[in-house]
């Protein structure tokens, strides 16, 4: 009988690429990971890894085992979920990856609901970029991810994940409060000569913002880069930049920024994703519902 823990290490190596990354992810030492995979080779009686420079590569036989291991882990997770669902008390730990504006607008209300209705459930949250968080949820680092998708920019697709929309919010051009006195702006095209703040390259919001500016006929002068939307807002409100802001960032507070609607009224989609094999876990299902209830209670901001 093959050892499931060793099979999982082989799958982790397929996902993460190096022994060092597997060791870091699972809190092992690289030598321990290597030793366990050597024992797995002895159990199977076939070569599973080959040296390629300083790295190791999976053989065709190892790839077969990885495919079966993924199915095996799904089956075990479904069994655990069904066992948990058979109990009268909802308990356990839910590990959630969430991006910043969702952490600020959605998490407080959802956590309050869980604390009131399911006090034996422990929620652990990590702020994480949506693109990588989706992959890490698929890889079993998280139980759930709250992610985002911008217009004409599809989020990474993982067929083993169950995706469900939470809400949508409008994306608008955020301008300094004194903008009209210094640089009259009535459309995004009028902001062509102004300094911009955006998220770093590679982020979906950055790609969306650049494409929107290019469709308006100019290349934005991106002088400031930060993934922290609160920092972006401070730069805009202080008169040092302009930028695109999703409506959810204003939830629970006011802004001195002037907000200008964009052509075609683009909207961002916020959604949850989890492994299909985990959807029957009562604690995870309860938290997803709490997030959906919180999102449903948010009143869209209206521009004056």
C-alpha atoms as a PDB file:
ATOM      1  CA  UNK A   1       0.000   0.000   0.000  1.00  0.00           C
ATOM      2  CA  UNK A   2       1.443   3.355  -1.036  1.00  0.00           C
ATOM      3  CA  UNK A   3       1.883   6.023   1.642  1.00  0.00           C
ATOM      4  CA  UNK A   4      -0.580   8.887   1.043  1.00  0.00           C
ATOM      5  CA  UNK A   5       1.677  11.425   2.780  1.00  0.00           C
ATOM      6  CA  UNK A   6       4.536  10.598   0.418  1.00  0.00           C
ATOM      7  CA  UNK A   7       2.220  10.726  -2.579  1.00  0.00           C
ATOM      8  CA  UNK A   8       1.169  14.199  -1.482  1.00  0.00           C
ATOM      9  CA  UNK A   9       4.815  15.283  -1.362  1.00  0.00           C
ATOM     10  CA  UNK A  10       5.198  14.117  -4.957  1.00  0.00           C
ATOM     11  CA  UNK A  11       2.148  16.140  -5.978  1.00  0.00           C
ATOM     12  CA  UNK A  12       3.487  19.172  -4.116  1.00  0.00           C
ATOM     13  CA  UNK A  13       6.731  18.861  -6.056  1.00  0.00           C
ATOM     14  CA  UNK A  14       4.753  18.851  -9.294  1.00  0.00           C
ATOM     15  CA  UNK A  15       2.903  21.999  -8.216  1.00  0.00           C
ATOM     16  CA  UNK A  16       5.748  23.977  -6.654  1.00  0.00           C
ATOM     17  CA  UNK A  17       8.691  22.911  -8.788  1.00  0.00           C
ATOM     18  CA  UNK A  18      11.507  22.504  -6.260  1.00  0.00           C
ATOM     19  CA  UNK A  19      12.211  20.502  -3.125  1.00  0.00           C
ATOM     20  CA  UNK A  20      12.956  23.733  -1.268  1.00  0.00           C
ATOM     21  CA  UNK A  21       9.541  25.195  -2.088  1.00  0.00           C
ATOM     22  CA  UNK A  22       7.803  21.969  -1.045  1.00  0.00           C
ATOM     23  CA  UNK A  23       9.719  22.035   2.234  1.00  0.00           C
ATOM     24  CA  UNK A  24       8.753  25.658   2.880  1.00  0.00           C
ATOM     25  CA  UNK A  25       5.083  25.065   2.090  1.00  0.00           C
ATOM     26  CA  UNK A  26       4.793  22.033   4.366  1.00  0.00           C
ATOM     27  CA  UNK A  27       7.248  23.087   7.101  1.00  0.00           C
ATOM     28  CA  UNK A  28       9.683  20.262   6.334  1.00  0.00           C
ATOM     29  CA  UNK A  29      13.392  20.387   5.666  1.00  0.00           C
ATOM     30  CA  UNK A  30      14.456  19.833   2.020  1.00  0.00           C
ATOM     31  CA  UNK A  31      16.450  16.761   3.089  1.00  0.00           C
ATOM     32  CA  UNK A  32      13.358  15.295   4.768  1.00  0.00           C
ATOM     33  CA  UNK A  33      11.291  15.819   1.612  1.00  0.00           C
ATOM     34  CA  UNK A  34      14.022  14.186  -0.484  1.00  0.00           C
ATOM     35  CA  UNK A  35      14.227  11.230   1.907  1.00  0.00           C
ATOM     36  CA  UNK A  36      10.469  10.642   1.824  1.00  0.00           C
ATOM     37  CA  UNK A  37      10.407  10.726  -1.970  1.00  0.00           C
ATOM     38  CA  UNK A  38      13.284   8.233  -2.065  1.00  0.00           C
ATOM     39  CA  UNK A  39      11.223   5.923   0.157  1.00  0.00           C
ATOM     40  CA  UNK A  40       8.275   6.364  -2.226  1.00  0.00           C
ATOM     41  CA  UNK A  41      10.491   5.270  -5.123  1.00  0.00           C
ATOM     42  CA  UNK A  42      11.414   2.160  -3.137  1.00  0.00           C
ATOM     43  CA  UNK A  43       7.721   1.451  -2.452  1.00  0.00           C
ATOM     44  CA  UNK A  44       6.775   1.738  -6.118  1.00  0.00           C
ATOM     45  CA  UNK A  45       9.875   0.064  -7.500  1.00  0.00           C
ATOM     46  CA  UNK A  46      10.183   2.662 -10.297  1.00  0.00           C
ATOM     47  CA  UNK A  47      12.168   5.848 -10.810  1.00  0.00           C
ATOM     48  CA  UNK A  48      10.036   8.878  -9.978  1.00  0.00           C
ATOM     49  CA  UNK A  49      12.579  11.714 -10.188  1.00  0.00           C
ATOM     50  CA  UNK A  50      15.473  12.529 -12.476  1.00  0.00           C
ATOM     51  CA  UNK A  51      18.156  15.190 -12.044  1.00  0.00           C
ATOM     52  CA  UNK A  52      18.065  18.080 -14.514  1.00  0.00           C
ATOM     53  CA  UNK A  53      20.877  20.456 -13.585  1.00  0.00           C
ATOM     54  CA  UNK A  54      20.277  21.521  -9.994  1.00  0.00           C
ATOM     55  CA  UNK A  55      16.594  20.654 -10.137  1.00  0.00           C
ATOM     56  CA  UNK A  56      14.636  17.417 -10.194  1.00  0.00           C
ATOM     57  CA  UNK A  57      12.049  16.479 -12.795  1.00  0.00           C
ATOM     58  CA  UNK A  58       9.138  14.059 -12.502  1.00  0.00           C
ATOM     59  CA  UNK A  59       9.227  10.965 -14.684  1.00  0.00           C
ATOM     60  CA  UNK A  60       6.232   9.740 -16.689  1.00  0.00           C
ATOM     61  CA  UNK A  61       5.512   7.237 -13.904  1.00  0.00           C
ATOM     62  CA  UNK A  62       5.544  10.015 -11.319  1.00  0.00           C
ATOM     63  CA  UNK A  63       3.052  11.999 -13.407  1.00  0.00           C
ATOM     64  CA  UNK A  64       0.682   9.005 -13.322  1.00  0.00           C
ATOM     65  CA  UNK A  65       0.924   8.892  -9.535  1.00  0.00           C
ATOM     66  CA  UNK A  66       0.324  12.658  -9.254  1.00  0.00           C
ATOM     67  CA  UNK A  67      -2.871  12.385 -11.275  1.00  0.00           C
ATOM     68  CA  UNK A  68      -4.190   9.611  -9.033  1.00  0.00           C
ATOM     69  CA  UNK A  69      -3.046  11.455  -5.912  1.00  0.00           C
ATOM     70  CA  UNK A  70      -5.129  14.504  -6.829  1.00  0.00           C
ATOM     71  CA  UNK A  71      -8.220  12.298  -7.136  1.00  0.00           C
ATOM     72  CA  UNK A  72      -7.339  10.516  -3.897  1.00  0.00           C
ATOM     73  CA  UNK A  73      -6.976  13.791  -1.965  1.00  0.00           C
ATOM     74  CA  UNK A  74     -10.341  14.968  -3.325  1.00  0.00           C
ATOM     75  CA  UNK A  75     -11.962  11.731  -2.161  1.00  0.00           C
ATOM     76  CA  UNK A  76     -10.425  12.058   1.302  1.00  0.00           C
ATOM     77  CA  UNK A  77     -11.554  15.679   1.550  1.00  0.00           C
ATOM     78  CA  UNK A  78     -15.105  14.720   0.572  1.00  0.00           C
ATOM     79  CA  UNK A  79     -15.057  11.967   3.203  1.00  0.00           C
ATOM     80  CA  UNK A  80     -13.912  14.435   5.862  1.00  0.00           C
ATOM     81  CA  UNK A  81     -16.587  16.910   4.758  1.00  0.00           C
ATOM     82  CA  UNK A  82     -19.341  14.293   4.949  1.00  0.00           C
ATOM     83  CA  UNK A  83     -18.114  13.209   8.376  1.00  0.00           C
ATOM     84  CA  UNK A  84     -18.139  16.805   9.585  1.00  0.00           C
ATOM     85  CA  UNK A  85     -21.626  17.322   8.128  1.00  0.00           C
ATOM     86  CA  UNK A  86     -22.928  14.349  10.117  1.00  0.00           C
ATOM     87  CA  UNK A  87     -22.166  16.106  13.419  1.00  0.00           C
ATOM     88  CA  UNK A  88     -24.652  18.362  15.201  1.00  0.00           C
ATOM     89  CA  UNK A  89     -22.106  21.127  15.916  1.00  0.00           C
ATOM     90  CA  UNK A  90     -20.422  23.229  13.241  1.00  0.00           C
ATOM     91  CA  UNK A  91     -16.752  23.611  14.117  1.00  0.00           C
ATOM     92  CA  UNK A  92     -13.278  23.621  12.602  1.00  0.00           C
ATOM     93  CA  UNK A  93     -10.824  26.049  11.023  1.00  0.00           C
ATOM     94  CA  UNK A  94     -11.381  27.857   7.728  1.00  0.00           C
ATOM     95  CA  UNK A  95      -8.300  29.357   6.029  1.00  0.00           C
ATOM     96  CA  UNK A  96      -9.233  32.258   3.767  1.00  0.00           C
ATOM     97  CA  UNK A  97      -7.188  34.333   1.312  1.00  0.00           C
ATOM     98  CA  UNK A  98      -8.643  37.769   0.585  1.00  0.00           C
ATOM     99  CA  UNK A  99      -7.583  40.935  -1.243  1.00  0.00           C
ATOM    100  CA  UNK A 100      -7.490  44.324   0.464  1.00  0.00           C
ATOM    101  CA  UNK A 101     -10.770  46.041  -0.405  1.00  0.00           C
ATOM    102  CA  UNK A 102     -12.738  42.851   0.278  1.00  0.00           C
ATOM    103  CA  UNK A 103     -10.899  42.456   3.594  1.00  0.00           C
ATOM    104  CA  UNK A 104     -12.000  45.954   4.591  1.00  0.00           C
ATOM    105  CA  UNK A 105     -15.562  45.881   3.278  1.00  0.00           C
ATOM    106  CA  UNK A 106     -16.687  42.251   3.618  1.00  0.00           C
ATOM    107  CA  UNK A 107     -14.637  40.486   6.277  1.00  0.00           C
ATOM    108  CA  UNK A 108     -15.722  42.461   9.384  1.00  0.00           C
ATOM    109  CA  UNK A 109     -19.419  41.780   8.838  1.00  0.00           C
ATOM    110  CA  UNK A 110     -18.899  38.138   7.860  1.00  0.00           C
ATOM    111  CA  UNK A 111     -16.660  37.513  10.878  1.00  0.00           C
ATOM    112  CA  UNK A 112     -19.235  39.070  13.208  1.00  0.00           C
ATOM    113  CA  UNK A 113     -21.900  36.774  11.767  1.00  0.00           C
ATOM    114  CA  UNK A 114     -19.702  33.721  12.288  1.00  0.00           C
ATOM    115  CA  UNK A 115     -18.808  34.722  15.839  1.00  0.00           C
ATOM    116  CA  UNK A 116     -22.515  35.084  16.658  1.00  0.00           C
ATOM    117  CA  UNK A 117     -23.911  32.041  14.832  1.00  0.00           C
ATOM    118  CA  UNK A 118     -20.969  29.613  14.741  1.00  0.00           C
ATOM    119  CA  UNK A 119     -18.712  30.402  17.719  1.00  0.00           C
ATOM    120  CA  UNK A 120     -16.810  27.115  17.411  1.00  0.00           C
ATOM    121  CA  UNK A 121     -15.546  27.944  13.917  1.00  0.00           C
ATOM    122  CA  UNK A 122     -12.100  29.562  13.726  1.00  0.00           C
ATOM    123  CA  UNK A 123     -11.511  31.824  10.701  1.00  0.00           C
ATOM    124  CA  UNK A 124      -7.906  32.488   9.671  1.00  0.00           C
ATOM    125  CA  UNK A 125      -7.442  35.259   7.087  1.00  0.00           C
ATOM    126  CA  UNK A 126      -4.399  36.133   4.978  1.00  0.00           C
ATOM    127  CA  UNK A 127      -4.332  39.148   2.653  1.00  0.00           C
ATOM    128  CA  UNK A 128      -3.214  37.823  -0.708  1.00  0.00           C
ATOM    129  CA  UNK A 129      -3.229  38.848  -4.353  1.00  0.00           C
ATOM    130  CA  UNK A 130      -6.224  37.156  -6.060  1.00  0.00           C
ATOM    131  CA  UNK A 131      -4.325  35.616  -8.990  1.00  0.00           C
ATOM    132  CA  UNK A 132      -1.864  33.659  -6.838  1.00  0.00           C
ATOM    133  CA  UNK A 133      -4.448  32.994  -4.112  1.00  0.00           C
ATOM    134  CA  UNK A 134      -6.640  31.100  -6.578  1.00  0.00           C
ATOM    135  CA  UNK A 135      -3.751  28.786  -7.433  1.00  0.00           C
ATOM    136  CA  UNK A 136      -2.838  28.321  -3.779  1.00  0.00           C
ATOM    137  CA  UNK A 137      -6.435  27.446  -2.912  1.00  0.00           C
ATOM    138  CA  UNK A 138      -6.347  24.826  -5.658  1.00  0.00           C
ATOM    139  CA  UNK A 139      -3.013  23.625  -4.211  1.00  0.00           C
ATOM    140  CA  UNK A 140      -4.671  23.306  -0.753  1.00  0.00           C
ATOM    141  CA  UNK A 141      -2.867  26.153   0.996  1.00  0.00           C
ATOM    142  CA  UNK A 142      -6.244  27.823   1.624  1.00  0.00           C
ATOM    143  CA  UNK A 143      -9.803  26.537   2.010  1.00  0.00           C
ATOM    144  CA  UNK A 144     -11.358  29.523   0.278  1.00  0.00           C
ATOM    145  CA  UNK A 145     -10.348  32.618  -1.641  1.00  0.00           C
ATOM    146  CA  UNK A 146     -12.200  35.896  -2.081  1.00  0.00           C
ATOM    147  CA  UNK A 147     -11.013  37.108  -5.487  1.00  0.00           C
ATOM    148  CA  UNK A 148     -11.813  39.712  -8.119  1.00  0.00           C
ATOM    149  CA  UNK A 149     -12.248  39.886 -11.870  1.00  0.00           C
ATOM    150  CA  UNK A 150     -12.005  43.026 -13.981  1.00  0.00           C
ATOM    151  CA  UNK A 151     -13.898  43.568 -17.250  1.00  0.00           C
ATOM    152  CA  UNK A 152     -12.231  41.847 -20.227  1.00  0.00           C
ATOM    153  CA  UNK A 153      -9.634  40.325 -17.905  1.00  0.00           C
ATOM    154  CA  UNK A 154     -10.537  36.767 -16.900  1.00  0.00           C
ATOM    155  CA  UNK A 155      -9.321  35.478 -13.550  1.00  0.00           C
ATOM    156  CA  UNK A 156      -7.080  32.365 -13.700  1.00  0.00           C
ATOM    157  CA  UNK A 157      -9.178  29.258 -14.271  1.00  0.00           C
ATOM    158  CA  UNK A 158      -8.751  26.104 -12.203  1.00  0.00           C
ATOM    159  CA  UNK A 159     -11.339  23.438 -13.120  1.00  0.00           C
ATOM    160  CA  UNK A 160     -11.282  21.871  -9.638  1.00  0.00           C
ATOM    161  CA  UNK A 161     -12.454  25.122  -7.998  1.00  0.00           C
ATOM    162  CA  UNK A 162     -16.103  26.001  -7.353  1.00  0.00           C
ATOM    163  CA  UNK A 163     -16.654  29.690  -8.157  1.00  0.00           C
ATOM    164  CA  UNK A 164     -19.614  31.739  -6.907  1.00  0.00           C
ATOM    165  CA  UNK A 165     -20.165  35.468  -7.398  1.00  0.00           C
ATOM    166  CA  UNK A 166     -20.490  37.662  -4.307  1.00  0.00           C
ATOM    167  CA  UNK A 167     -21.198  41.074  -5.790  1.00  0.00           C
ATOM    168  CA  UNK A 168     -20.116  43.621  -8.385  1.00  0.00           C
ATOM    169  CA  UNK A 169     -19.002  47.209  -7.912  1.00  0.00           C
ATOM    170  CA  UNK A 170     -18.571  50.179 -10.201  1.00  0.00           C
ATOM    171  CA  UNK A 171     -15.081  51.332 -11.228  1.00  0.00           C
ATOM    172  CA  UNK A 172     -14.681  55.106 -11.371  1.00  0.00           C
ATOM    173  CA  UNK A 173     -11.992  57.709 -11.963  1.00  0.00           C
ATOM    174  CA  UNK A 174     -10.952  59.161  -8.610  1.00  0.00           C
ATOM    175  CA  UNK A 175      -9.785  62.791  -8.713  1.00  0.00           C
ATOM    176  CA  UNK A 176      -8.472  65.198  -6.084  1.00  0.00           C
ATOM    177  CA  UNK A 177     -11.155  67.288  -4.380  1.00  0.00           C
ATOM    178  CA  UNK A 178      -9.646  70.511  -5.795  1.00  0.00           C
ATOM    179  CA  UNK A 179      -9.297  68.992  -9.254  1.00  0.00           C
ATOM    180  CA  UNK A 180     -11.882  71.210 -10.904  1.00  0.00           C
ATOM    181  CA  UNK A 181     -10.008  74.376  -9.804  1.00  0.00           C
ATOM    182  CA  UNK A 182      -6.552  73.218 -10.965  1.00  0.00           C
ATOM    183  CA  UNK A 183      -6.994  70.682 -13.783  1.00  0.00           C
ATOM    184  CA  UNK A 184     -10.569  70.628 -15.113  1.00  0.00           C
ATOM    185  CA  UNK A 185     -11.416  66.985 -15.824  1.00  0.00           C
ATOM    186  CA  UNK A 186     -14.770  66.001 -17.297  1.00  0.00           C
ATOM    187  CA  UNK A 187     -13.674  62.664 -18.808  1.00  0.00           C
ATOM    188  CA  UNK A 188     -10.837  60.168 -18.571  1.00  0.00           C
ATOM    189  CA  UNK A 189      -9.301  61.689 -21.713  1.00  0.00           C
ATOM    190  CA  UNK A 190      -8.874  64.976 -19.807  1.00  0.00           C
ATOM    191  CA  UNK A 191      -6.555  63.169 -17.357  1.00  0.00           C
ATOM    192  CA  UNK A 192      -3.953  62.348 -20.022  1.00  0.00           C
ATOM    193  CA  UNK A 193      -1.396  64.841 -18.675  1.00  0.00           C
ATOM    194  CA  UNK A 194      -1.927  64.144 -14.968  1.00  0.00           C
ATOM    195  CA  UNK A 195       0.188  61.843 -12.755  1.00  0.00           C
ATOM    196  CA  UNK A 196      -1.429  58.440 -12.154  1.00  0.00           C
ATOM    197  CA  UNK A 197      -1.243  55.928  -9.318  1.00  0.00           C
ATOM    198  CA  UNK A 198      -1.800  52.235 -10.114  1.00  0.00           C
ATOM    199  CA  UNK A 199      -1.099  48.792  -8.745  1.00  0.00           C
ATOM    200  CA  UNK A 200       2.201  47.159  -9.823  1.00  0.00           C
ATOM    201  CA  UNK A 201       2.466  45.513 -13.241  1.00  0.00           C
ATOM    202  CA  UNK A 202       0.933  42.048 -13.385  1.00  0.00           C
ATOM    203  CA  UNK A 203      -2.148  42.963 -11.352  1.00  0.00           C
ATOM    204  CA  UNK A 204      -5.489  42.666 -13.140  1.00  0.00           C
ATOM    205  CA  UNK A 205      -6.432  46.199 -12.086  1.00  0.00           C
ATOM    206  CA  UNK A 206      -3.226  47.578 -13.641  1.00  0.00           C
ATOM    207  CA  UNK A 207      -3.926  45.862 -16.962  1.00  0.00           C
ATOM    208  CA  UNK A 208      -7.514  47.118 -16.937  1.00  0.00           C
ATOM    209  CA  UNK A 209      -6.469  50.699 -16.101  1.00  0.00           C
ATOM    210  CA  UNK A 210      -3.785  50.854 -18.796  1.00  0.00           C
ATOM    211  CA  UNK A 211      -6.125  49.468 -21.446  1.00  0.00           C
ATOM    212  CA  UNK A 212      -8.837  51.962 -20.497  1.00  0.00           C
ATOM    213  CA  UNK A 213      -6.394  54.869 -20.858  1.00  0.00           C
ATOM    214  CA  UNK A 214      -5.136  53.562 -24.200  1.00  0.00           C
ATOM    215  CA  UNK A 215      -8.679  53.274 -25.519  1.00  0.00           C
ATOM    216  CA  UNK A 216      -9.101  56.920 -24.495  1.00  0.00           C
ATOM    217  CA  UNK A 217      -6.093  57.752 -26.681  1.00  0.00           C
ATOM    218  CA  UNK A 218      -3.163  58.150 -24.299  1.00  0.00           C
ATOM    219  CA  UNK A 219      -0.514  56.282 -22.322  1.00  0.00           C
ATOM    220  CA  UNK A 220      -0.914  57.033 -18.587  1.00  0.00           C
ATOM    221  CA  UNK A 221       1.964  58.716 -16.751  1.00  0.00           C
ATOM    222  CA  UNK A 222       2.196  56.183 -13.899  1.00  0.00           C
ATOM    223  CA  UNK A 223       4.412  57.881 -11.345  1.00  0.00           C
ATOM    224  CA  UNK A 224       3.264  55.930  -8.298  1.00  0.00           C
ATOM    225  CA  UNK A 225       2.878  52.156  -7.907  1.00  0.00           C
ATOM    226  CA  UNK A 226       1.413  50.480  -4.841  1.00  0.00           C
ATOM    227  CA  UNK A 227      -0.900  47.530  -4.186  1.00  0.00           C
ATOM    228  CA  UNK A 228      -2.248  49.363  -1.114  1.00  0.00           C
ATOM    229  CA  UNK A 229      -5.485  51.040  -2.207  1.00  0.00           C
ATOM    230  CA  UNK A 230      -5.588  53.125   0.973  1.00  0.00           C
ATOM    231  CA  UNK A 231      -2.207  54.572   0.007  1.00  0.00           C
ATOM    232  CA  UNK A 232      -3.545  55.243  -3.487  1.00  0.00           C
ATOM    233  CA  UNK A 233      -6.514  57.102  -2.029  1.00  0.00           C
ATOM    234  CA  UNK A 234      -4.238  59.271   0.111  1.00  0.00           C
ATOM    235  CA  UNK A 235      -2.173  60.222  -2.934  1.00  0.00           C
ATOM    236  CA  UNK A 236      -5.314  61.124  -4.872  1.00  0.00           C
ATOM    237  CA  UNK A 237      -7.055  62.981  -2.032  1.00  0.00           C
ATOM    238  CA  UNK A 238      -3.901  65.038  -1.373  1.00  0.00           C
ATOM    239  CA  UNK A 239      -3.850  66.226  -4.987  1.00  0.00           C
ATOM    240  CA  UNK A 240      -0.785  64.269  -6.104  1.00  0.00           C
ATOM    241  CA  UNK A 241      -2.376  61.760  -8.482  1.00  0.00           C
ATOM    242  CA  UNK A 242      -5.481  60.411 -10.150  1.00  0.00           C
ATOM    243  CA  UNK A 243      -6.469  56.749 -10.363  1.00  0.00           C
ATOM    244  CA  UNK A 244      -9.223  54.215 -10.907  1.00  0.00           C
ATOM    245  CA  UNK A 245     -11.078  53.062  -7.807  1.00  0.00           C
ATOM    246  CA  UNK A 246     -13.634  50.264  -7.340  1.00  0.00           C
ATOM    247  CA  UNK A 247     -16.707  51.313  -5.378  1.00  0.00           C
ATOM    248  CA  UNK A 248     -16.125  48.820  -2.551  1.00  0.00           C
ATOM    249  CA  UNK A 249     -13.153  50.802  -1.195  1.00  0.00           C
ATOM    250  CA  UNK A 250     -15.522  53.522   0.060  1.00  0.00           C
ATOM    251  CA  UNK A 251     -17.715  51.114   2.057  1.00  0.00           C
ATOM    252  CA  UNK A 252     -18.178  52.306   5.636  1.00  0.00           C
ATOM    253  CA  UNK A 253     -16.642  55.731   5.102  1.00  0.00           C
ATOM    254  CA  UNK A 254     -16.691  58.968   3.168  1.00  0.00           C
ATOM    255  CA  UNK A 255     -14.143  60.318   0.711  1.00  0.00           C
ATOM    256  CA  UNK A 256     -12.937  63.769  -0.215  1.00  0.00           C
ATOM    257  CA  UNK A 257     -12.058  62.472  -3.696  1.00  0.00           C
ATOM    258  CA  UNK A 258     -14.223  63.487  -6.621  1.00  0.00           C
ATOM    259  CA  UNK A 259     -15.533  60.444  -8.499  1.00  0.00           C
ATOM    260  CA  UNK A 260     -16.174  60.481 -12.227  1.00  0.00           C
ATOM    261  CA  UNK A 261     -18.123  57.772 -14.052  1.00  0.00           C
ATOM    262  CA  UNK A 262     -16.300  55.986 -16.880  1.00  0.00           C
ATOM    263  CA  UNK A 263     -17.505  55.177 -20.418  1.00  0.00           C
ATOM    264  CA  UNK A 264     -19.679  52.026 -20.535  1.00  0.00           C
ATOM    265  CA  UNK A 265     -19.869  52.032 -16.702  1.00  0.00           C
ATOM    266  CA  UNK A 266     -17.417  49.135 -16.088  1.00  0.00           C
ATOM    267  CA  UNK A 267     -17.928  46.925 -13.038  1.00  0.00           C
ATOM    268  CA  UNK A 268     -15.611  44.599 -11.166  1.00  0.00           C
ATOM    269  CA  UNK A 269     -16.853  41.156 -10.049  1.00  0.00           C
ATOM    270  CA  UNK A 270     -15.978  39.861  -6.580  1.00  0.00           C
ATOM    271  CA  UNK A 271     -16.364  36.118  -6.055  1.00  0.00           C
ATOM    272  CA  UNK A 272     -15.490  33.235  -3.759  1.00  0.00           C
ATOM    273  CA  UNK A 273     -13.744  30.063  -4.867  1.00  0.00           C
ATOM    274  CA  UNK A 274     -13.042  26.801  -3.086  1.00  0.00           C
ATOM    275  CA  UNK A 275     -12.192  23.247  -4.048  1.00  0.00           C
ATOM    276  CA  UNK A 276     -15.276  21.334  -5.163  1.00  0.00           C
ATOM    277  CA  UNK A 277     -14.329  18.552  -2.772  1.00  0.00           C
ATOM    278  CA  UNK A 278     -14.557  21.017   0.154  1.00  0.00           C
ATOM    279  CA  UNK A 279     -17.965  22.554  -0.570  1.00  0.00           C
ATOM    280  CA  UNK A 280     -19.767  20.210   1.838  1.00  0.00           C
ATOM    281  CA  UNK A 281     -17.703  21.227   4.857  1.00  0.00           C
ATOM    282  CA  UNK A 282     -20.284  22.904   7.142  1.00  0.00           C
ATOM    283  CA  UNK A 283     -17.808  25.504   8.466  1.00  0.00           C
ATOM    284  CA  UNK A 284     -16.655  26.526   4.987  1.00  0.00           C
ATOM    285  CA  UNK A 285     -20.215  26.600   3.619  1.00  0.00           C
ATOM    286  CA  UNK A 286     -21.350  28.706   6.596  1.00  0.00           C
ATOM    287  CA  UNK A 287     -18.592  31.238   6.062  1.00  0.00           C
ATOM    288  CA  UNK A 288     -19.328  31.498   2.350  1.00  0.00           C
ATOM    289  CA  UNK A 289     -22.969  32.215   3.215  1.00  0.00           C
ATOM    290  CA  UNK A 290     -21.894  34.829   5.767  1.00  0.00           C
ATOM    291  CA  UNK A 291     -19.825  36.575   3.086  1.00  0.00           C
ATOM    292  CA  UNK A 292     -22.749  36.483   0.650  1.00  0.00           C
ATOM    293  CA  UNK A 293     -25.125  37.940   3.249  1.00  0.00           C
ATOM    294  CA  UNK A 294     -22.642  40.715   4.027  1.00  0.00           C
ATOM    295  CA  UNK A 295     -22.176  41.517   0.337  1.00  0.00           C
ATOM    296  CA  UNK A 296     -25.951  41.586  -0.209  1.00  0.00           C
ATOM    297  CA  UNK A 297     -26.302  44.203   2.544  1.00  0.00           C
ATOM    298  CA  UNK A 298     -23.906  46.696   0.956  1.00  0.00           C
ATOM    299  CA  UNK A 299     -25.694  49.678  -0.571  1.00  0.00           C
ATOM    300  CA  UNK A 300     -24.021  50.914  -3.785  1.00  0.00           C
ATOM    301  CA  UNK A 301     -22.532  54.392  -3.562  1.00  0.00           C
ATOM    302  CA  UNK A 302     -24.355  57.041  -5.586  1.00  0.00           C
ATOM    303  CA  UNK A 303     -22.460  59.891  -7.193  1.00  0.00           C
ATOM    304  CA  UNK A 304     -23.751  63.382  -6.787  1.00  0.00           C
END
